[in-house]
C-alpha atoms as a PDB file:
ATOM      1  CA  MET A   1      89.725 121.612 185.454  1.00  0.00           C
ATOM      2  CA  LEU A   2      90.952 119.029 182.308  1.00  0.00           C
ATOM      3  CA  LYS A   3      91.129 121.573 179.771  1.00  0.00           C
ATOM      4  CA  ASP A   4      94.558 122.453 178.286  1.00  0.00           C
ATOM      5  CA  LYS A   5      95.476 119.110 180.039  1.00  0.00           C
ATOM      6  CA  THR A   6      96.956 116.096 177.979  1.00  0.00           C
ATOM      7  CA  TYR A   7      95.588 112.635 178.361  1.00  0.00           C
ATOM      8  CA  TRP A   8      96.088 109.480 177.220  1.00  0.00           C
ATOM      9  CA  ILE A   9      93.108 107.123 176.264  1.00  0.00           C
ATOM     10  CA  VAL A  10      94.343 103.652 176.356  1.00  0.00           C
ATOM     11  CA  GLY A  11      91.818 101.484 174.001  1.00  0.00           C
ATOM     12  CA  ALA A  12      90.749 104.628 172.051  1.00  0.00           C
ATOM     13  CA  SER A  13      89.802 103.040 168.670  1.00  0.00           C
ATOM     14  CA  GLU A  14      86.138 102.350 168.968  1.00  0.00           C
ATOM     15  CA  GLY A  15      83.270 101.997 171.732  1.00  0.00           C
ATOM     16  CA  LEU A  16      83.285 103.884 175.085  1.00  0.00           C
ATOM     17  CA  GLY A  17      86.918 104.605 174.273  1.00  0.00           C
ATOM     18  CA  ARG A  18      86.337 106.765 170.851  1.00  0.00           C
ATOM     19  CA  ALA A  19      83.254 108.734 173.149  1.00  0.00           C
ATOM     20  CA  LEU A  20      85.986 109.300 175.594  1.00  0.00           C
ATOM     21  CA  ALA A  21      88.305 110.738 173.180  1.00  0.00           C
ATOM     22  CA  LEU A  22      85.394 113.410 171.734  1.00  0.00           C
ATOM     23  CA  GLU A  23      83.739 114.230 174.717  1.00  0.00           C
ATOM     24  CA  LEU A  24      87.504 115.047 176.222  1.00  0.00           C
ATOM     25  CA  ASP A  25      88.157 117.281 173.003  1.00  0.00           C
ATOM     26  CA  GLN A  26      84.857 119.135 173.152  1.00  0.00           C
ATOM     27  CA  ARG A  27      86.168 120.086 176.492  1.00  0.00           C
ATOM     28  CA  GLY A  28      89.479 121.633 175.542  1.00  0.00           C
ATOM     29  CA  VAL A  29      91.724 118.456 176.162  1.00  0.00           C
ATOM     30  CA  ASN A  30      94.855 117.712 174.468  1.00  0.00           C
ATOM     31  CA  LEU A  31      94.961 113.795 173.347  1.00  0.00           C
ATOM     32  CA  VAL A  32      97.311 110.637 173.496  1.00  0.00           C
ATOM     33  CA  LEU A  33      95.319 107.801 171.242  1.00  0.00           C
ATOM     34  CA  SER A  34      96.456 104.161 171.877  1.00  0.00           C
ATOM     35  CA  ALA A  35      94.929 101.059 170.569  1.00  0.00           C
ATOM     36  CA  ARG A  36      95.705  98.223 167.844  1.00  0.00           C
ATOM     37  CA  SER A  37      94.526  99.729 165.072  1.00  0.00           C
ATOM     38  CA  GLU A  38      96.331 102.970 163.560  1.00  0.00           C
ATOM     39  CA  ASN A  39      93.689 103.447 161.214  1.00  0.00           C
ATOM     40  CA  ARG A  40      91.342 103.880 163.239  1.00  0.00           C
ATOM     41  CA  LEU A  41      92.561 106.131 165.960  1.00  0.00           C
ATOM     42  CA  GLN A  42      93.680 108.204 162.384  1.00  0.00           C
ATOM     43  CA  ASN A  43      90.553 108.054 161.799  1.00  0.00           C
ATOM     44  CA  LEU A  44      89.389 109.609 164.789  1.00  0.00           C
ATOM     45  CA  ALA A  45      92.215 111.908 165.470  1.00  0.00           C
ATOM     46  CA  ASN A  46      91.436 113.260 161.746  1.00  0.00           C
ATOM     47  CA  GLU A  47      87.845 114.210 163.969  1.00  0.00           C
ATOM     48  CA  LEU A  48      89.087 115.894 166.716  1.00  0.00           C
ATOM     49  CA  THR A  49      90.126 120.001 167.096  1.00  0.00           C
ATOM     50  CA  GLN A  50      92.601 119.772 169.911  1.00  0.00           C
ATOM     51  CA  PRO A  51      96.325 118.773 169.604  1.00  0.00           C
ATOM     52  CA  THR A  52      95.999 114.715 168.893  1.00  0.00           C
ATOM     53  CA  ARG A  53      98.783 112.188 169.134  1.00  0.00           C
ATOM     54  CA  VAL A  54      98.514 108.816 167.797  1.00  0.00           C
ATOM     55  CA  CYS A  55     100.377 105.771 169.436  1.00  0.00           C
ATOM     56  CA  PRO A  56      99.497 102.377 168.372  1.00  0.00           C
ATOM     57  CA  MET A  57     100.287  99.653 171.064  1.00  0.00           C
ATOM     58  CA  ASP A  58      99.355  95.732 172.070  1.00  0.00           C
ATOM     59  CA  VAL A  59      99.228  96.055 175.485  1.00  0.00           C
ATOM     60  CA  SER A  60      99.387  92.403 175.721  1.00  0.00           C
ATOM     61  CA  ASP A  61     102.590  92.902 174.649  1.00  0.00           C
ATOM     62  CA  ASN A  62     106.119  94.417 176.874  1.00  0.00           C
ATOM     63  CA  ALA A  63     107.332  95.742 173.907  1.00  0.00           C
ATOM     64  CA  SER A  64     104.850  97.728 172.374  1.00  0.00           C
ATOM     65  CA  VAL A  65     103.723  98.992 175.872  1.00  0.00           C
ATOM     66  CA  ASP A  66     107.212 100.027 176.586  1.00  0.00           C
ATOM     67  CA  GLU A  67     108.137 101.345 173.004  1.00  0.00           C
ATOM     68  CA  ALA A  68     104.597 103.849 173.338  1.00  0.00           C
ATOM     69  CA  VAL A  69     105.632 105.353 176.970  1.00  0.00           C
ATOM     70  CA  LYS A  70     108.941 106.400 175.556  1.00  0.00           C
ATOM     71  CA  MET A  71     106.929 107.448 172.683  1.00  0.00           C
ATOM     72  CA  ILE A  72     104.211 109.730 174.775  1.00  0.00           C
ATOM     73  CA  ALA A  73     106.739 111.380 176.855  1.00  0.00           C
ATOM     74  CA  GLU A  74     105.040 114.082 179.524  1.00  0.00           C
ATOM     75  CA  ILE A  75     101.439 113.442 180.034  1.00  0.00           C
ATOM     76  CA  ASP A  76      99.307 114.494 182.813  1.00  0.00           C
ATOM     77  CA  GLY A  77      96.575 111.900 182.806  1.00  0.00           C
ATOM     78  CA  ILE A  78      95.397 108.262 181.653  1.00  0.00           C
ATOM     79  CA  ILE A  79      92.448 106.742 181.179  1.00  0.00           C
ATOM     80  CA  TYR A  80      92.139 102.828 181.132  1.00  0.00           C
ATOM     81  CA  VAL A  81      89.411 101.489 178.829  1.00  0.00           C
ATOM     82  CA  ALA A  82      91.029  98.279 176.959  1.00  0.00           C
ATOM     83  CA  ALA A  83      88.743  95.505 177.084  1.00  0.00           C
ATOM     84  CA  LEU A  84      87.519  92.137 175.618  1.00  0.00           C
ATOM     85  CA  TYR A  85      84.755  90.361 175.974  1.00  0.00           C
ATOM     86  CA  GLU A  86      82.993  86.994 174.982  1.00  0.00           C
ATOM     87  CA  PRO A  87      80.131  85.607 176.664  1.00  0.00           C
ATOM     88  CA  MET A  88      81.787  82.687 178.610  1.00  0.00           C
ATOM     89  CA  LYS A  89      80.354  79.781 180.530  1.00  0.00           C
ATOM     90  CA  ALA A  90      81.824  77.454 182.515  1.00  0.00           C
ATOM     91  CA  GLU A  91      80.896  74.851 180.500  1.00  0.00           C
ATOM     92  CA  ASP A  92      82.283  76.224 177.631  1.00  0.00           C
ATOM     93  CA  TRP A  93      85.289  77.470 178.512  1.00  0.00           C
ATOM     94  CA  ASP A  94      87.447  78.502 176.003  1.00  0.00           C
ATOM     95  CA  PRO A  95      91.050  78.864 177.444  1.00  0.00           C
ATOM     96  CA  VAL A  96      92.703  80.462 174.698  1.00  0.00           C
ATOM     97  CA  SER A  97      89.426  83.445 174.357  1.00  0.00           C
ATOM     98  CA  SER A  98      89.808  83.506 178.114  1.00  0.00           C
ATOM     99  CA  GLU A  99      93.643  83.954 178.519  1.00  0.00           C
ATOM    100  CA  GLN A 100      93.436  86.808 175.750  1.00  0.00           C
ATOM    101  CA  ILE A 101      90.617  88.428 177.952  1.00  0.00           C
ATOM    102  CA  ALA A 102      92.771  88.349 180.935  1.00  0.00           C
ATOM    103  CA  ASN A 103      95.825  89.884 179.425  1.00  0.00           C
ATOM    104  CA  VAL A 104      94.012  92.929 178.132  1.00  0.00           C
ATOM    105  CA  ASN A 105      91.730  93.785 180.900  1.00  0.00           C
ATOM    106  CA  PHE A 106      93.834  93.150 183.498  1.00  0.00           C
ATOM    107  CA  LEU A 107      97.781  91.965 183.090  1.00  0.00           C
ATOM    108  CA  GLY A 108      97.114  95.212 179.766  1.00  0.00           C
ATOM    109  CA  GLY A 109      96.650  97.362 183.194  1.00  0.00           C
ATOM    110  CA  ILE A 110      98.895  96.093 185.181  1.00  0.00           C
ATOM    111  CA  ARG A 111     101.515  96.687 182.073  1.00  0.00           C
ATOM    112  CA  VAL A 112     100.586 100.084 181.089  1.00  0.00           C
ATOM    113  CA  LEU A 113     100.009 101.223 184.899  1.00  0.00           C
ATOM    114  CA  GLY A 114     103.257  99.507 186.085  1.00  0.00           C
ATOM    115  CA  ARG A 115     105.312 101.801 183.614  1.00  0.00           C
ATOM    116  CA  LEU A 116     103.530 105.335 184.088  1.00  0.00           C
ATOM    117  CA  VAL A 117     102.513 104.880 187.676  1.00  0.00           C
ATOM    118  CA  PRO A 118     106.161 105.856 189.090  1.00  0.00           C
ATOM    119  CA  LYS A 119     106.248 108.868 186.727  1.00  0.00           C
ATOM    120  CA  PHE A 120     103.331 110.493 188.287  1.00  0.00           C
ATOM    121  CA  VAL A 121     104.518 109.457 191.634  1.00  0.00           C
ATOM    122  CA  LEU A 122     108.049 110.392 191.173  1.00  0.00           C
ATOM    123  CA  LYS A 123     107.006 113.965 189.612  1.00  0.00           C
ATOM    124  CA  ASN A 124     103.800 113.880 191.996  1.00  0.00           C
ATOM    125  CA  SER A 125     101.093 114.997 189.996  1.00  0.00           C
ATOM    126  CA  GLY A 126      99.060 112.721 187.736  1.00  0.00           C
ATOM    127  CA  HIS A 127      95.469 111.368 187.059  1.00  0.00           C
ATOM    128  CA  ILE A 128      94.712 107.979 186.855  1.00  0.00           C
ATOM    129  CA  ALA A 129      91.311 106.804 185.771  1.00  0.00           C
ATOM    130  CA  VAL A 130      90.674 102.835 185.107  1.00  0.00           C
ATOM    131  CA  ILE A 131      87.524 101.599 183.977  1.00  0.00           C
ATOM    132  CA  GLY A 132      85.962  99.084 185.498  1.00  0.00           C
ATOM    133  CA  SER A 133      82.679  96.840 185.634  1.00  0.00           C
ATOM    134  CA  LEU A 134      79.646  96.479 187.693  1.00  0.00           C
ATOM    135  CA  SER A 135      80.205  92.868 186.400  1.00  0.00           C
ATOM    136  CA  GLY A 136      83.188  92.890 189.029  1.00  0.00           C
ATOM    137  CA  TYR A 137      81.495  92.685 191.933  1.00  0.00           C
ATOM    138  CA  ARG A 138      80.391  89.461 192.122  1.00  0.00           C
ATOM    139  CA  GLY A 139      80.362  86.631 189.658  1.00  0.00           C
ATOM    140  CA  LEU A 140      77.729  86.668 187.356  1.00  0.00           C
ATOM    141  CA  PRO A 141      76.942  83.761 184.835  1.00  0.00           C
ATOM    142  CA  ARG A 142      78.693  84.103 181.542  1.00  0.00           C
ATOM    143  CA  ALA A 143      80.911  86.232 183.175  1.00  0.00           C
ATOM    144  CA  LEU A 144      83.151  83.698 183.550  1.00  0.00           C
ATOM    145  CA  ALA A 145      86.886  85.561 181.874  1.00  0.00           C
ATOM    146  CA  TYR A 146      85.278  88.803 181.993  1.00  0.00           C
ATOM    147  CA  GLY A 147      83.892  89.356 185.413  1.00  0.00           C
ATOM    148  CA  ALA A 148      87.280  88.270 187.136  1.00  0.00           C
ATOM    149  CA  SER A 149      89.174  90.226 184.724  1.00  0.00           C
ATOM    150  CA  LYS A 150      87.411  94.051 185.525  1.00  0.00           C
ATOM    151  CA  ALA A 151      87.280  92.555 189.206  1.00  0.00           C
ATOM    152  CA  GLY A 152      90.871  92.319 188.849  1.00  0.00           C
ATOM    153  CA  LEU A 153      91.485  95.615 187.485  1.00  0.00           C
ATOM    154  CA  MET A 154      88.878  97.220 190.115  1.00  0.00           C
ATOM    155  CA  HIS A 155      90.841  95.713 193.168  1.00  0.00           C
ATOM    156  CA  LEU A 156      94.111  97.405 191.439  1.00  0.00           C
ATOM    157  CA  ALA A 157      92.326 101.098 191.113  1.00  0.00           C
ATOM    158  CA  GLU A 158      91.993 100.383 194.885  1.00  0.00           C
ATOM    159  CA  THR A 159      94.382  99.549 196.406  1.00  0.00           C
ATOM    160  CA  LEU A 160      96.506 102.442 193.987  1.00  0.00           C
ATOM    161  CA  GLN A 161      93.999 104.541 196.049  1.00  0.00           C
ATOM    162  CA  ALA A 162      94.833 103.360 199.297  1.00  0.00           C
ATOM    163  CA  ASP A 163      98.585 103.657 198.606  1.00  0.00           C
ATOM    164  CA  LEU A 164      98.186 107.145 196.893  1.00  0.00           C
ATOM    165  CA  TRP A 165      95.970 109.167 198.489  1.00  0.00           C
ATOM    166  CA  LYS A 166      98.167 111.254 200.594  1.00  0.00           C
ATOM    167  CA  THR A 167      99.805 112.423 197.245  1.00  0.00           C
ATOM    168  CA  SER A 168      99.319 114.990 194.422  1.00  0.00           C
ATOM    169  CA  VAL A 169      98.551 111.670 192.372  1.00  0.00           C
ATOM    170  CA  LYS A 170      94.439 111.304 191.844  1.00  0.00           C
ATOM    171  CA  THR A 171      93.182 108.119 191.016  1.00  0.00           C
ATOM    172  CA  GLN A 172      89.860 106.875 189.799  1.00  0.00           C
ATOM    173  CA  LEU A 173      87.672 103.998 189.667  1.00  0.00           C
ATOM    174  CA  PHE A 174      84.741 104.083 186.930  1.00  0.00           C
ATOM    175  CA  ASN A 175      82.768 100.789 187.075  1.00  0.00           C
ATOM    176  CA  MET A 176      80.088 100.470 183.914  1.00  0.00           C
ATOM    177  CA  GLY A 177      76.993  99.175 183.521  1.00  0.00           C
ATOM    178  CA  PHE A 178      75.872  97.648 179.822  1.00  0.00           C
ATOM    179  CA  ILE A 179      77.319 100.263 177.003  1.00  0.00           C
ATOM    180  CA  SER A 180      75.753  99.978 173.485  1.00  0.00           C
ATOM    181  CA  THR A 181      79.504  98.553 171.780  1.00  0.00           C
ATOM    182  CA  ARG A 182      80.454  95.821 169.225  1.00  0.00           C
ATOM    183  CA  LEU A 183      80.724  94.155 172.707  1.00  0.00           C
ATOM    184  CA  THR A 184      77.915  94.640 173.978  1.00  0.00           C
ATOM    185  CA  ASP A 185      75.882  92.925 170.721  1.00  0.00           C
ATOM    186  CA  LYS A 186      77.537  89.239 171.682  1.00  0.00           C
ATOM    187  CA  ASN A 187      74.972  89.252 174.461  1.00  0.00           C
ATOM    188  CA  GLY A 188      71.584  86.955 173.689  1.00  0.00           C
ATOM    189  CA  PHE A 189      69.764  89.348 176.487  1.00  0.00           C
ATOM    190  CA  LYS A 190      67.616  92.330 177.980  1.00  0.00           C
ATOM    191  CA  MET A 191      70.241  94.424 178.888  1.00  0.00           C
ATOM    192  CA  PRO A 192      68.688  96.774 181.963  1.00  0.00           C
ATOM    193  CA  PHE A 193      69.469 100.704 181.863  1.00  0.00           C
ATOM    194  CA  ILE A 194      72.101 100.220 178.942  1.00  0.00           C
ATOM    195  CA  MET A 195      73.697 103.270 177.754  1.00  0.00           C
ATOM    196  CA  THR A 196      75.028 104.767 174.637  1.00  0.00           C
ATOM    197  CA  PRO A 197      78.993 105.152 174.433  1.00  0.00           C
ATOM    198  CA  GLU A 198      78.151 109.097 174.794  1.00  0.00           C
ATOM    199  CA  ARG A 199      76.608 108.936 177.523  1.00  0.00           C
ATOM    200  CA  ALA A 200      78.614 106.709 179.359  1.00  0.00           C
ATOM    201  CA  ALA A 201      81.171 109.206 178.542  1.00  0.00           C
ATOM    202  CA  ARG A 202      79.567 112.490 179.353  1.00  0.00           C
ATOM    203  CA  LEU A 203      79.329 110.877 182.942  1.00  0.00           C
ATOM    204  CA  ILE A 204      83.141 109.813 183.392  1.00  0.00           C
ATOM    205  CA  VAL A 205      84.119 113.048 181.836  1.00  0.00           C
ATOM    206  CA  ASN A 206      81.836 114.709 184.417  1.00  0.00           C
ATOM    207  CA  GLY A 207      83.551 112.398 187.465  1.00  0.00           C
ATOM    208  CA  MET A 208      86.681 113.064 186.048  1.00  0.00           C
ATOM    209  CA  GLU A 209      86.637 116.785 186.793  1.00  0.00           C
ATOM    210  CA  LYS A 210      85.295 115.730 190.388  1.00  0.00           C
ATOM    211  CA  ARG A 211      87.849 114.471 193.706  1.00  0.00           C
ATOM    212  CA  ARG A 212      85.694 111.236 194.452  1.00  0.00           C
ATOM    213  CA  PHE A 213      87.327 108.170 194.399  1.00  0.00           C
ATOM    214  CA  LYS A 214      84.536 105.229 193.111  1.00  0.00           C
ATOM    215  CA  PHE A 215      81.678 106.183 190.813  1.00  0.00           C
ATOM    216  CA  ASP A 216      79.213 103.213 189.718  1.00  0.00           C
ATOM    217  CA  ILE A 217      77.300 104.361 186.540  1.00  0.00           C
ATOM    218  CA  PRO A 218      74.678 104.385 186.209  1.00  0.00           C
ATOM    219  CA  VAL A 219      73.473 104.703 190.030  1.00  0.00           C
ATOM    220  CA  MET A 220      70.558 102.895 190.239  1.00  0.00           C
ATOM    221  CA  PHE A 221      71.315  99.864 188.041  1.00  0.00           C
ATOM    222  CA  SER A 222      74.634  99.495 190.461  1.00  0.00           C
ATOM    223  CA  LEU A 223      72.471  99.497 193.429  1.00  0.00           C
ATOM    224  CA  ILE A 224      71.842  95.898 192.843  1.00  0.00           C
ATOM    225  CA  PHE A 225      75.413  94.432 192.129  1.00  0.00           C
ATOM    226  CA  ARG A 226      76.390  96.527 195.563  1.00  0.00           C
ATOM    227  CA  LEU A 227      73.592  94.903 197.422  1.00  0.00           C
ATOM    228  CA  SER A 228      74.545  91.375 196.419  1.00  0.00           C
ATOM    229  CA  ARG A 229      77.430  91.320 197.951  1.00  0.00           C
ATOM    230  CA  ALA A 230      75.459  90.883 201.179  1.00  0.00           C
ATOM    231  CA  LEU A 231      73.099  88.121 200.167  1.00  0.00           C
ATOM    232  CA  PRO A 232      74.262  84.455 201.181  1.00  0.00           C
ATOM    233  CA  GLN A 233      75.817  82.571 198.820  1.00  0.00           C
ATOM    234  CA  GLY A 234      72.635  79.816 197.792  1.00  0.00           C
ATOM    235  CA  LEU A 235      69.912  83.081 197.966  1.00  0.00           C
ATOM    236  CA  TYR A 236      72.957  84.343 195.408  1.00  0.00           C
ATOM    237  CA  ASN A 237      72.569  81.904 193.172  1.00  0.00           C
ATOM    238  CA  ARG A 238      69.298  81.358 193.215  1.00  0.00           C
ATOM    239  CA  ILE A 239      68.686  85.023 192.247  1.00  0.00           C
ATOM    240  CA  PHE A 240      71.702  85.992 189.548  1.00  0.00           C
ATOM    241  CA  ALA A 241      72.106  82.347 188.471  1.00  0.00           C
ATOM    242  CA  LYS A 242      69.415  82.382 186.131  1.00  0.00           C
END
């Protein structure tokens, strides 16, 4: 059960992170909220009923992550949801933007979890929830930096599970489809099975209360991505490159 435990949400200021904070608060969870915007975090904290701490942090900056990890002290679990997204094709590659996306989505996870997981291992307890993406299963058009960074984060979670499954440190991976946020507003195409942040948060928190490692959400939509891995590259290109 999550009630009365303390969870650190990294990327809590808007979108899915914000919805997760509200959902966990309703279930009696104490929270530490992190993102770059202290004002947004404080406004969110003011809406919550459970004990909440605000800890501004930039996951792309080592010094900022070091300071935050020292400030939060003891926690029971972490949800890494911080993400950047820009639709990007290889023909229109923006090196600066793509590096920023990789820095937050993947390297940010490396920075934060790299400082926190050893603490969990030392005390042989803790809960790691990583928010991946269905786009990380296989390369997709216009997902140049985002898909690659999420694939790296998903691989990181799978490796943590492989290393820690015999310990009392619990690792979970939630690979999400389209969620209606400021990020998906950038897409110029119809997004199948798109969810509200509130519904996505509810499904994630329901999963966090279970023992299973990996969740692909929504299930029916995820079948397309999981089965695509079995397709030969030529056939895959003809179907998905559209």
